[in-house]
Amino acid sequence: MGKGGGKGHTPREAKDNLKSTQMMSVIDAIGEGPVEGPVKGLQSILVNKTPLTDTDGNPV
């Protein structure tokens, strides 16, 4: 077994060195006159190539 005693270690906060990268693509269109919205509603919105809802409108 090791020796006991001595001074305890004083904890200190480590530097914030965590890095992350995020990417987002936005496609925008300009129209004139009334615009109804996406043709298929929330099914037209994709996250990682997956629609937000299925064909019945249920969340995926």
Protein backbone atom coordinates (compact mmCIF):
# COMPACT_ATOMS: atom_id res chain seq x y z
CA MET A 1 0.00 0.00 0.00
CA GLY A 2 1.05 3.55 -0.59
CA LYS A 3 1.98 6.10 2.01
CA GLY A 4 -0.81 8.14 3.53
CA GLY A 5 -0.74 11.77 4.50
CA GLY A 6 0.54 14.70 2.58
CA LYS A 7 -1.45 17.53 1.11
CA GLY A 8 -4.63 16.88 -0.82
CA HIS A 9 -4.98 17.82 -4.46
CA THR A 10 -6.86 21.05 -5.10
CA PRO A 11 -9.29 20.53 -7.98
CA ARG A 12 -9.34 23.10 -10.75
CA GLU A 13 -11.61 23.60 -13.71
CA ALA A 14 -10.18 22.50 -17.04
CA LYS A 15 -10.14 24.90 -19.98
CA ASP A 16 -13.13 24.75 -22.30
CA ASN A 17 -11.57 23.04 -25.31
CA LEU A 18 -14.65 21.25 -26.66
CA LYS A 19 -15.41 22.17 -30.25
CA SER A 20 -18.30 21.29 -32.51
CA THR A 21 -19.25 22.04 -36.07
CA GLN A 22 -22.80 22.43 -37.29
CA MET A 23 -24.02 22.86 -40.83
CA MET A 24 -27.38 24.02 -42.12
CA SER A 25 -28.67 24.49 -45.64
CA VAL A 26 -31.55 26.81 -46.39
CA ILE A 27 -33.23 27.09 -49.76
CA ASP A 28 -35.35 30.20 -50.10
CA ALA A 29 -37.73 31.19 -52.87
CA ILE A 30 -39.35 34.52 -53.62
CA GLY A 31 -42.91 34.53 -54.87
CA GLU A 32 -45.52 37.06 -55.87
CA GLY A 33 -49.12 36.74 -54.76
CA PRO A 34 -50.65 34.34 -52.23
CA VAL A 35 -48.44 31.46 -51.13
CA GLU A 36 -50.11 28.42 -49.55
CA GLY A 37 -47.02 26.75 -48.04
CA PRO A 38 -45.22 23.46 -48.73
CA VAL A 39 -47.13 21.16 -51.09
CA LYS A 40 -46.99 18.17 -48.72
CA GLY A 41 -46.96 20.15 -45.45
CA LEU A 42 -44.51 18.86 -42.82
CA GLN A 43 -43.67 15.90 -45.06
CA SER A 44 -41.85 18.42 -47.29
CA ILE A 45 -39.46 19.35 -44.45
CA LEU A 46 -36.47 17.00 -44.30
CA VAL A 47 -34.03 16.42 -41.43
CA ASN A 48 -31.07 14.25 -42.51
CA LYS A 49 -33.08 13.33 -45.63
CA THR A 50 -36.00 12.10 -43.46
CA PRO A 51 -39.39 13.85 -43.63
CA LEU A 52 -40.89 15.13 -40.36
CA THR A 53 -44.13 13.18 -40.97
CA ASP A 54 -45.13 10.05 -42.88
CA THR A 55 -47.73 9.99 -45.68
CA ASP A 56 -50.55 9.79 -43.08
CA GLY A 57 -49.27 12.88 -41.22
CA ASN A 58 -47.90 10.93 -38.24
CA PRO A 59 -44.56 12.11 -36.77
CA VAL A 60 -41.62 9.99 -37.84
